[in-house]
C-alpha atoms as a PDB file:
ATOM      1  CA  MET A   1     162.118-158.750 121.493  1.00  0.00           C
ATOM      2  CA  LEU A   2     161.640-155.216 122.081  1.00  0.00           C
ATOM      3  CA  TYR A   3     163.666-154.301 118.660  1.00  0.00           C
ATOM      4  CA  LEU A   4     161.534-156.958 116.857  1.00  0.00           C
ATOM      5  CA  ILE A   5     158.284-155.154 118.106  1.00  0.00           C
ATOM      6  CA  LEU A   6     159.158-151.783 117.772  1.00  0.00           C
ATOM      7  CA  SER A   7     160.221-152.263 114.418  1.00  0.00           C
ATOM      8  CA  ALA A   8     156.833-154.737 113.478  1.00  0.00           C
ATOM      9  CA  LEU A   9     155.091-150.738 115.128  1.00  0.00           C
ATOM     10  CA  PHE A  10     157.314-149.099 112.265  1.00  0.00           C
ATOM     11  CA  PHE A  11     156.570-151.305 109.366  1.00  0.00           C
ATOM     12  CA  ALA A  12     152.812-150.985 110.488  1.00  0.00           C
ATOM     13  CA  VAL A  13     153.159-146.957 109.513  1.00  0.00           C
ATOM     14  CA  ASN A  14     154.931-148.338 106.816  1.00  0.00           C
ATOM     15  CA  ASN A  15     152.225-149.712 105.023  1.00  0.00           C
ATOM     16  CA  ILE A  16     149.838-147.353 105.394  1.00  0.00           C
ATOM     17  CA  LEU A  17     152.272-144.807 104.352  1.00  0.00           C
ATOM     18  CA  TRP A  18     153.013-146.594 101.243  1.00  0.00           C
ATOM     19  CA  LYS A  19     149.331-147.852 100.088  1.00  0.00           C
ATOM     20  CA  TRP A  20     148.563-143.967 100.634  1.00  0.00           C
ATOM     21  CA  ILE A  21     151.811-142.197  98.929  1.00  0.00           C
ATOM     22  CA  VAL A  22     151.318-144.903  96.166  1.00  0.00           C
ATOM     23  CA  ALA A  23     148.025-143.969  95.153  1.00  0.00           C
ATOM     24  CA  GLY A  24     149.255-140.895  93.547  1.00  0.00           C
ATOM     25  CA  TYR A  25     152.183-141.838  92.235  1.00  0.00           C
ATOM     26  CA  PHE A  26     153.696-144.812  90.086  1.00  0.00           C
ATOM     27  CA  PRO A  27     155.277-147.639  92.520  1.00  0.00           C
ATOM     28  CA  LEU A  28     159.204-147.000  91.609  1.00  0.00           C
ATOM     29  CA  GLN A  29     158.938-143.248  91.735  1.00  0.00           C
ATOM     30  CA  VAL A  30     158.335-143.545  95.401  1.00  0.00           C
ATOM     31  CA  ILE A  31     160.956-146.755  95.905  1.00  0.00           C
ATOM     32  CA  VAL A  32     163.425-144.684  93.614  1.00  0.00           C
ATOM     33  CA  LYS A  33     162.765-141.443  95.902  1.00  0.00           C
ATOM     34  CA  ARG A  34     162.339-143.352  99.446  1.00  0.00           C
ATOM     35  CA  SER A  35     165.662-145.112  99.417  1.00  0.00           C
ATOM     36  CA  ILE A  36     167.404-142.314  97.686  1.00  0.00           C
ATOM     37  CA  ILE A  37     166.395-140.508 101.016  1.00  0.00           C
ATOM     38  CA  THR A  38     167.198-143.492 103.282  1.00  0.00           C
ATOM     39  CA  SER A  39     170.428-143.934 101.688  1.00  0.00           C
ATOM     40  CA  PHE A  40     171.828-140.590 101.818  1.00  0.00           C
ATOM     41  CA  ILE A  41     171.285-140.816 105.620  1.00  0.00           C
ATOM     42  CA  GLY A  42     173.193-144.486 105.868  1.00  0.00           C
ATOM     43  CA  VAL A  43     175.706-143.405 103.510  1.00  0.00           C
ATOM     44  CA  PHE A  44     176.360-140.354 106.337  1.00  0.00           C
ATOM     45  CA  VAL A  45     176.000-141.864 109.088  1.00  0.00           C
ATOM     46  CA  LEU A  46     178.745-145.056 108.032  1.00  0.00           C
ATOM     47  CA  MET A  47     181.286-141.808 106.965  1.00  0.00           C
ATOM     48  CA  PHE A  48     181.423-141.156 110.506  1.00  0.00           C
ATOM     49  CA  ASN A  49     182.310-144.607 111.218  1.00  0.00           C
ATOM     50  CA  TYR A  50     183.944-146.021 108.952  1.00  0.00           C
ATOM     51  CA  ASN A  51     186.862-147.715 111.167  1.00  0.00           C
ATOM     52  CA  ASN A  52     184.243-149.362 113.163  1.00  0.00           C
ATOM     53  CA  TYR A  53     182.847-151.166 110.221  1.00  0.00           C
ATOM     54  CA  THR A  54     184.245-154.960 108.102  1.00  0.00           C
ATOM     55  CA  PHE A  55     182.900-154.630 105.029  1.00  0.00           C
ATOM     56  CA  TYR A  56     183.436-157.505 101.748  1.00  0.00           C
ATOM     57  CA  ASN A  57     186.380-160.341 103.666  1.00  0.00           C
ATOM     58  CA  THR A  58     186.183-162.299 100.762  1.00  0.00           C
ATOM     59  CA  ILE A  59     184.549-162.490  97.339  1.00  0.00           C
ATOM     60  CA  GLY A  60     182.288-165.257  98.555  1.00  0.00           C
ATOM     61  CA  GLN A  61     180.753-163.358 101.256  1.00  0.00           C
ATOM     62  CA  ALA A  62     180.488-159.962  98.562  1.00  0.00           C
ATOM     63  CA  VAL A  63     178.655-161.782  96.311  1.00  0.00           C
ATOM     64  CA  PHE A  64     176.592-163.632  99.426  1.00  0.00           C
ATOM     65  CA  ILE A  65     175.646-159.985 100.996  1.00  0.00           C
ATOM     66  CA  ASN A  66     174.780-158.901  97.307  1.00  0.00           C
ATOM     67  CA  LEU A  67     172.989-161.186  96.635  1.00  0.00           C
ATOM     68  CA  THR A  68     171.100-161.069  99.841  1.00  0.00           C
ATOM     69  CA  CYS A  69     170.238-157.885  98.872  1.00  0.00           C
ATOM     70  CA  PHE A  70     168.975-157.678  95.707  1.00  0.00           C
ATOM     71  CA  VAL A  71     166.462-160.038  96.956  1.00  0.00           C
ATOM     72  CA  GLY A  72     165.059-157.757  99.439  1.00  0.00           C
ATOM     73  CA  ALA A  73     164.517-154.918  97.133  1.00  0.00           C
ATOM     74  CA  LEU A  74     163.187-157.720  94.322  1.00  0.00           C
ATOM     75  CA  GLY A  75     160.562-158.290  97.041  1.00  0.00           C
ATOM     76  CA  LEU A  76     160.166-154.592  97.874  1.00  0.00           C
ATOM     77  CA  VAL A  77     159.127-154.073  94.420  1.00  0.00           C
ATOM     78  CA  PHE A  78     156.434-157.242  94.245  1.00  0.00           C
ATOM     79  CA  MET A  79     155.145-155.769  97.831  1.00  0.00           C
ATOM     80  CA  ILE A  80     154.535-151.997  95.445  1.00  0.00           C
ATOM     81  CA  TYR A  81     153.256-152.744  93.130  1.00  0.00           C
ATOM     82  CA  ALA A  82     150.278-155.273  94.543  1.00  0.00           C
ATOM     83  CA  LEU A  83     149.860-152.727  97.061  1.00  0.00           C
ATOM     84  CA  LYS A  84     148.313-150.731  94.213  1.00  0.00           C
ATOM     85  CA  LYS A  85     145.691-152.859  94.135  1.00  0.00           C
ATOM     86  CA  CYS A  86     144.263-154.997  96.526  1.00  0.00           C
ATOM     87  CA  SER A  87     143.752-154.187 100.196  1.00  0.00           C
ATOM     88  CA  ILE A  88     145.646-153.979 103.583  1.00  0.00           C
ATOM     89  CA  SER A  89     143.860-157.404 104.515  1.00  0.00           C
ATOM     90  CA  THR A  90     145.366-159.497 101.384  1.00  0.00           C
ATOM     91  CA  PHE A  91     148.643-157.938 101.851  1.00  0.00           C
ATOM     92  CA  ILE A  92     148.357-159.433 105.884  1.00  0.00           C
ATOM     93  CA  HIS A  93     147.254-162.502 104.478  1.00  0.00           C
ATOM     94  CA  TYR A  94     150.518-163.105 101.916  1.00  0.00           C
ATOM     95  CA  SER A  95     152.643-161.394 104.385  1.00  0.00           C
ATOM     96  CA  LEU A  96     151.860-164.366 106.970  1.00  0.00           C
ATOM     97  CA  PHE A  97     152.624-166.792 104.217  1.00  0.00           C
ATOM     98  CA  GLY A  98     156.246-165.813 105.349  1.00  0.00           C
ATOM     99  CA  ALA A  99     156.423-167.251 108.758  1.00  0.00           C
ATOM    100  CA  LEU A 100     155.762-170.530 107.075  1.00  0.00           C
ATOM    101  CA  PHE A 101     157.828-170.831 104.622  1.00  0.00           C
ATOM    102  CA  SER A 102     161.002-169.509 107.550  1.00  0.00           C
ATOM    103  CA  ALA A 103     159.552-171.985 109.633  1.00  0.00           C
ATOM    104  CA  THR A 104     160.290-175.353 106.845  1.00  0.00           C
ATOM    105  CA  TYR A 105     163.391-173.424 106.412  1.00  0.00           C
ATOM    106  CA  LEU A 106     164.927-174.009 109.401  1.00  0.00           C
ATOM    107  CA  TYR A 107     163.383-177.133 109.960  1.00  0.00           C
ATOM    108  CA  TYR A 108     164.837-179.370 106.616  1.00  0.00           C
ATOM    109  CA  ILE A 109     168.046-177.019 106.323  1.00  0.00           C
ATOM    110  CA  GLU A 110     169.029-175.717 110.160  1.00  0.00           C
ATOM    111  CA  HIS A 111     166.926-178.403 112.176  1.00  0.00           C
ATOM    112  CA  ILE A 112     165.275-176.278 114.611  1.00  0.00           C
ATOM    113  CA  ILE A 113     162.585-177.701 114.878  1.00  0.00           C
ATOM    114  CA  PRO A 114     159.778-175.931 115.221  1.00  0.00           C
ATOM    115  CA  ASN A 115     156.490-176.525 117.468  1.00  0.00           C
ATOM    116  CA  ASN A 116     153.755-178.575 116.417  1.00  0.00           C
ATOM    117  CA  TYR A 117     155.206-177.894 112.418  1.00  0.00           C
ATOM    118  CA  ALA A 118     152.022-180.426 111.382  1.00  0.00           C
ATOM    119  CA  ILE A 119     149.651-178.849 113.038  1.00  0.00           C
ATOM    120  CA  GLY A 120     150.714-174.569 111.798  1.00  0.00           C
ATOM    121  CA  LEU A 121     150.917-175.550 109.146  1.00  0.00           C
ATOM    122  CA  ILE A 122     146.970-177.640 108.694  1.00  0.00           C
ATOM    123  CA  VAL A 123     146.008-174.527 110.257  1.00  0.00           C
ATOM    124  CA  ILE A 124     148.377-171.707 108.523  1.00  0.00           C
ATOM    125  CA  SER A 125     146.869-173.741 105.230  1.00  0.00           C
ATOM    126  CA  LEU A 126     142.716-173.822 106.120  1.00  0.00           C
ATOM    127  CA  GLY A 127     143.201-169.960 107.086  1.00  0.00           C
ATOM    128  CA  PHE A 128     144.148-168.787 103.835  1.00  0.00           C
ATOM    129  CA  PHE A 129     141.130-171.129 102.098  1.00  0.00           C
ATOM    130  CA  VAL A 130     138.500-168.965 103.860  1.00  0.00           C
ATOM    131  CA  PHE A 131     140.041-165.994 103.183  1.00  0.00           C
ATOM    132  CA  LEU A 132     140.838-166.508  99.517  1.00  0.00           C
ATOM    133  CA  ARG A 133     137.314-168.368  99.394  1.00  0.00           C
ATOM    134  CA  ASN A 134     135.550-165.402 100.462  1.00  0.00           C
ATOM    135  CA  GLN A 135     137.879-162.990  98.634  1.00  0.00           C
ATOM    136  CA  ARG A 136     136.259-165.006  95.586  1.00  0.00           C
ATOM    137  CA  ASN A 137     133.384-164.302  95.972  1.00  0.00           C
ATOM    138  CA  SER A 138     134.171-160.316  97.112  1.00  0.00           C
ATOM    139  CA  SER A 139     133.023-157.347  94.834  1.00  0.00           C
ATOM    140  CA  LYS A 140     136.113-156.257  94.813  1.00  0.00           C
ATOM    141  CA  LYS A 141     138.750-158.819  92.898  1.00  0.00           C
ATOM    142  CA  VAL A 142     142.337-159.023  93.570  1.00  0.00           C
ATOM    143  CA  ASP A 143     143.472-160.362  89.534  1.00  0.00           C
ATOM    144  CA  PHE A 144     146.014-163.168  89.345  1.00  0.00           C
ATOM    145  CA  SER A 145     149.104-160.487  88.330  1.00  0.00           C
ATOM    146  CA  THR A 146     148.572-159.133  92.205  1.00  0.00           C
ATOM    147  CA  HIS A 147     147.908-162.562  93.823  1.00  0.00           C
ATOM    148  CA  ARG A 148     151.683-163.313  92.499  1.00  0.00           C
ATOM    149  CA  ASN A 149     153.577-160.723  93.421  1.00  0.00           C
ATOM    150  CA  LEU A 150     151.590-161.221  96.393  1.00  0.00           C
ATOM    151  CA  PHE A 151     153.187-164.705  96.937  1.00  0.00           C
ATOM    152  CA  LEU A 152     156.616-163.505  95.361  1.00  0.00           C
ATOM    153  CA  MET A 153     156.705-160.969  97.707  1.00  0.00           C
ATOM    154  CA  SER A 154     156.472-163.178 101.078  1.00  0.00           C
ATOM    155  CA  ILE A 155     158.990-165.296  99.033  1.00  0.00           C
ATOM    156  CA  CYS A 156     161.230-162.509  98.669  1.00  0.00           C
ATOM    157  CA  PHE A 157     160.885-160.998 102.124  1.00  0.00           C
ATOM    158  CA  SER A 158     161.465-164.832 103.846  1.00  0.00           C
ATOM    159  CA  THR A 159     164.795-165.342 101.708  1.00  0.00           C
ATOM    160  CA  THR A 160     166.306-162.517 102.288  1.00  0.00           C
ATOM    161  CA  ALA A 161     165.542-162.404 105.999  1.00  0.00           C
ATOM    162  CA  ILE A 162     166.861-166.439 106.227  1.00  0.00           C
ATOM    163  CA  MET A 163     169.823-164.326 104.219  1.00  0.00           C
ATOM    164  CA  GLN A 164     170.860-161.628 105.923  1.00  0.00           C
ATOM    165  CA  TRP A 165     170.307-163.883 109.621  1.00  0.00           C
ATOM    166  CA  TYR A 166     173.548-165.347 108.178  1.00  0.00           C
ATOM    167  CA  ASN A 167     175.294-162.179 107.458  1.00  0.00           C
ATOM    168  CA  LEU A 168     174.863-161.171 110.909  1.00  0.00           C
ATOM    169  CA  GLN A 169     177.202-163.753 112.237  1.00  0.00           C
ATOM    170  CA  THR A 170     179.959-161.822 109.996  1.00  0.00           C
ATOM    171  CA  HIS A 171     179.141-157.955 109.342  1.00  0.00           C
ATOM    172  CA  ASP A 172     177.707-155.156 111.055  1.00  0.00           C
ATOM    173  CA  PHE A 173     174.070-154.813 111.513  1.00  0.00           C
ATOM    174  CA  PHE A 174     174.227-151.138 110.356  1.00  0.00           C
ATOM    175  CA  PHE A 175     176.193-152.255 107.158  1.00  0.00           C
ATOM    176  CA  LEU A 176     174.055-154.468 106.121  1.00  0.00           C
ATOM    177  CA  VAL A 177     171.005-151.321 105.977  1.00  0.00           C
ATOM    178  CA  VAL A 178     172.973-149.302 103.876  1.00  0.00           C
ATOM    179  CA  HIS A 179     173.832-152.249 101.777  1.00  0.00           C
ATOM    180  CA  GLN A 180     170.234-152.892 101.429  1.00  0.00           C
ATOM    181  CA  GLU A 181     168.610-149.691 100.455  1.00  0.00           C
ATOM    182  CA  ILE A 182     171.846-148.931  98.570  1.00  0.00           C
ATOM    183  CA  MET A 183     170.407-152.000  96.130  1.00  0.00           C
ATOM    184  CA  VAL A 184     167.286-150.893  96.869  1.00  0.00           C
ATOM    185  CA  LEU A 185     167.776-147.096  95.091  1.00  0.00           C
ATOM    186  CA  VAL A 186     170.673-149.689  92.179  1.00  0.00           C
ATOM    187  CA  VAL A 187     167.111-151.740  91.247  1.00  0.00           C
ATOM    188  CA  SER A 188     164.563-149.318  91.415  1.00  0.00           C
ATOM    189  CA  ALA A 189     166.488-146.937  89.467  1.00  0.00           C
ATOM    190  CA  VAL A 190     167.467-149.399  86.866  1.00  0.00           C
ATOM    191  CA  LEU A 191     163.136-150.451  86.249  1.00  0.00           C
ATOM    192  CA  LEU A 192     162.136-146.720  86.553  1.00  0.00           C
ATOM    193  CA  TYR A 193     164.767-146.112  83.061  1.00  0.00           C
ATOM    194  CA  TYR A 194     163.518-149.306  82.165  1.00  0.00           C
ATOM    195  CA  LEU A 195     160.018-148.374  81.700  1.00  0.00           C
ATOM    196  CA  LYS A 196     160.684-144.834  81.033  1.00  0.00           C
ATOM    197  CA  GLN A 197     158.476-143.778  84.066  1.00  0.00           C
ATOM    198  CA  PRO A 198     159.314-139.633  85.395  1.00  0.00           C
ATOM    199  CA  ALA A 199     161.738-139.392  88.545  1.00  0.00           C
ATOM    200  CA  ILE A 200     160.096-137.405  91.193  1.00  0.00           C
ATOM    201  CA  SER A 201     162.072-134.338  92.514  1.00  0.00           C
ATOM    202  CA  VAL A 202     164.018-135.526  95.878  1.00  0.00           C
ATOM    203  CA  LEU A 203     164.202-131.987  96.597  1.00  0.00           C
ATOM    204  CA  LYS A 204     160.284-131.748  96.540  1.00  0.00           C
ATOM    205  CA  LEU A 205     158.525-132.201 100.525  1.00  0.00           C
ATOM    206  CA  ASP A 206     156.171-134.914 100.620  1.00  0.00           C
ATOM    207  CA  PHE A 207     154.934-137.671 103.040  1.00  0.00           C
ATOM    208  CA  ILE A 208     157.689-139.657 101.314  1.00  0.00           C
ATOM    209  CA  TYR A 209     160.559-138.216 103.469  1.00  0.00           C
ATOM    210  CA  LEU A 210     158.317-139.021 106.988  1.00  0.00           C
ATOM    211  CA  MET A 211     158.319-142.147 104.879  1.00  0.00           C
ATOM    212  CA  ALA A 212     161.743-142.687 104.632  1.00  0.00           C
ATOM    213  CA  LEU A 213     162.382-142.077 107.979  1.00  0.00           C
ATOM    214  CA  VAL A 214     159.888-144.782 109.604  1.00  0.00           C
ATOM    215  CA  VAL A 215     160.864-147.058 106.895  1.00  0.00           C
ATOM    216  CA  PHE A 216     164.521-146.718 108.265  1.00  0.00           C
ATOM    217  CA  LEU A 217     163.898-147.173 111.751  1.00  0.00           C
ATOM    218  CA  ALA A 218     161.703-150.427 110.990  1.00  0.00           C
ATOM    219  CA  VAL A 219     164.735-151.768 109.014  1.00  0.00           C
ATOM    220  CA  ILE A 220     167.577-150.292 111.455  1.00  0.00           C
ATOM    221  CA  THR A 221     165.135-151.876 114.529  1.00  0.00           C
ATOM    222  CA  GLY A 222     164.453-155.282 112.827  1.00  0.00           C
ATOM    223  CA  MET A 223     167.706-155.933 111.517  1.00  0.00           C
ATOM    224  CA  TYR A 224     169.152-155.586 115.149  1.00  0.00           C
ATOM    225  CA  GLY A 225     166.071-157.841 116.875  1.00  0.00           C
ATOM    226  CA  LEU A 226     167.174-160.367 113.797  1.00  0.00           C
ATOM    227  CA  LYS A 227     170.774-159.937 114.951  1.00  0.00           C
ATOM    228  CA  THR A 228     170.110-161.801 118.742  1.00  0.00           C
ATOM    229  CA  THR A 229     167.138-164.066 117.713  1.00  0.00           C
ATOM    230  CA  ASP A 230     166.369-165.836 113.719  1.00  0.00           C
ATOM    231  CA  PRO A 231     164.588-165.353 111.183  1.00  0.00           C
ATOM    232  CA  PHE A 232     161.367-167.533 112.300  1.00  0.00           C
ATOM    233  CA  ILE A 233     160.985-165.787 115.426  1.00  0.00           C
ATOM    234  CA  SER A 234     161.768-162.900 113.743  1.00  0.00           C
ATOM    235  CA  ASN A 235     159.107-163.556 111.728  1.00  0.00           C
ATOM    236  CA  ILE A 236     156.671-164.555 114.605  1.00  0.00           C
ATOM    237  CA  ILE A 237     156.875-161.382 116.382  1.00  0.00           C
ATOM    238  CA  SER A 238     156.106-159.202 113.520  1.00  0.00           C
ATOM    239  CA  LEU A 239     153.121-161.379 112.562  1.00  0.00           C
ATOM    240  CA  SER A 240     152.511-158.416 115.791  1.00  0.00           C
ATOM    241  CA  SER A 241     152.863-155.809 111.969  1.00  0.00           C
ATOM    242  CA  SER A 242     149.849-157.287 110.645  1.00  0.00           C
ATOM    243  CA  ILE A 243     147.782-156.477 113.708  1.00  0.00           C
ATOM    244  CA  PHE A 244     148.790-152.797 113.887  1.00  0.00           C
ATOM    245  CA  THR A 245     148.787-152.336 110.151  1.00  0.00           C
ATOM    246  CA  MET A 246     144.991-153.853 110.257  1.00  0.00           C
ATOM    247  CA  ILE A 247     144.231-151.329 113.169  1.00  0.00           C
ATOM    248  CA  LEU A 248     146.044-148.281 111.526  1.00  0.00           C
ATOM    249  CA  ALA A 249     144.161-149.221 107.810  1.00  0.00           C
ATOM    250  CA  VAL A 250     140.218-149.346 109.754  1.00  0.00           C
ATOM    251  CA  PHE A 251     140.940-145.957 111.026  1.00  0.00           C
ATOM    252  CA  LEU A 252     143.020-144.153 108.767  1.00  0.00           C
ATOM    253  CA  LEU A 253     142.295-145.736 105.104  1.00  0.00           C
ATOM    254  CA  LYS A 254     138.394-146.533 106.402  1.00  0.00           C
ATOM    255  CA  ASP A 255     139.337-150.088 104.737  1.00  0.00           C
ATOM    256  CA  ARG A 256     136.033-152.474 105.828  1.00  0.00           C
ATOM    257  CA  PHE A 257     136.818-155.750 108.981  1.00  0.00           C
ATOM    258  CA  LYS A 258     134.544-158.237 107.170  1.00  0.00           C
ATOM    259  CA  TRP A 259     133.907-160.661 110.219  1.00  0.00           C
ATOM    260  CA  GLU A 260     135.182-163.642 107.337  1.00  0.00           C
ATOM    261  CA  TYR A 261     138.345-161.576 107.136  1.00  0.00           C
ATOM    262  CA  ILE A 262     138.592-161.653 111.207  1.00  0.00           C
ATOM    263  CA  ILE A 263     138.937-165.734 111.124  1.00  0.00           C
ATOM    264  CA  SER A 264     140.650-166.172 108.409  1.00  0.00           C
ATOM    265  CA  LEU A 265     143.585-164.082 109.972  1.00  0.00           C
ATOM    266  CA  ILE A 266     142.349-165.731 113.516  1.00  0.00           C
ATOM    267  CA  MET A 267     143.539-168.913 112.052  1.00  0.00           C
ATOM    268  CA  VAL A 268     146.466-167.958 109.775  1.00  0.00           C
ATOM    269  CA  ILE A 269     148.001-166.191 113.070  1.00  0.00           C
ATOM    270  CA  SER A 270     147.322-169.153 115.619  1.00  0.00           C
ATOM    271  CA  GLY A 271     148.672-171.345 112.772  1.00  0.00           C
ATOM    272  CA  ALA A 272     152.167-169.194 112.631  1.00  0.00           C
ATOM    273  CA  TRP A 273     152.758-168.958 116.598  1.00  0.00           C
ATOM    274  CA  LEU A 274     151.652-172.746 117.012  1.00  0.00           C
ATOM    275  CA  LEU A 275     155.094-173.147 115.050  1.00  0.00           C
ATOM    276  CA  SER A 276     156.857-170.504 118.102  1.00  0.00           C
END
């Protein structure tokens, strides 16, 4: 549990850094530079511990692991484009949707039955209704494409967490972390080239280096925490990241903290907690 809490704290700091840094760059530029740094760190560590890691035992494993990382990379792309156009509170509400998705999967597929499934589902749904109803009347509108990106982000992240849970039964967590970062680099670099956007110099010292370190620590602690629990518990503990992010956003990003958003946030968190 400690590693999951640490991961939630690191991800909260990362969310704030994403929101701050992408204000001055194209989202893909940030992802490419960040993933170059994290991939370099990961490969450097793997080179000195090559004999301690299991890579691919079968073609099926190779396909599944690569598909897992590809889905996670897509989730990151959706996230970074959404964060550029929405507030932290909007981002958090959609992030919490992942808890419901994980609970539903474990309920119907793995037959791991969360407590109070029906009640939790109703409370989460009401929380989203309150949030979207008040957001509709807000002076700061969020367009359909941003809502779409946020929804796809939550689905991708929940799906990749479930798939990584299976991968962790046969592979070391650090190998999967490095694999994920390399996949992020490949996907983002291809998209950057396709959109003809210039890359940021890796040699340029900026806050992306700090963000790369923070997200690398977040992924490592989160992956190890997932290894010792399951996707649903991991998702529930990660709810604390929402609280950390909201607090940091109020002080660092000067986000407005409306009572309607607080009420809906509490309802969504309570619904997710009922499922635990």
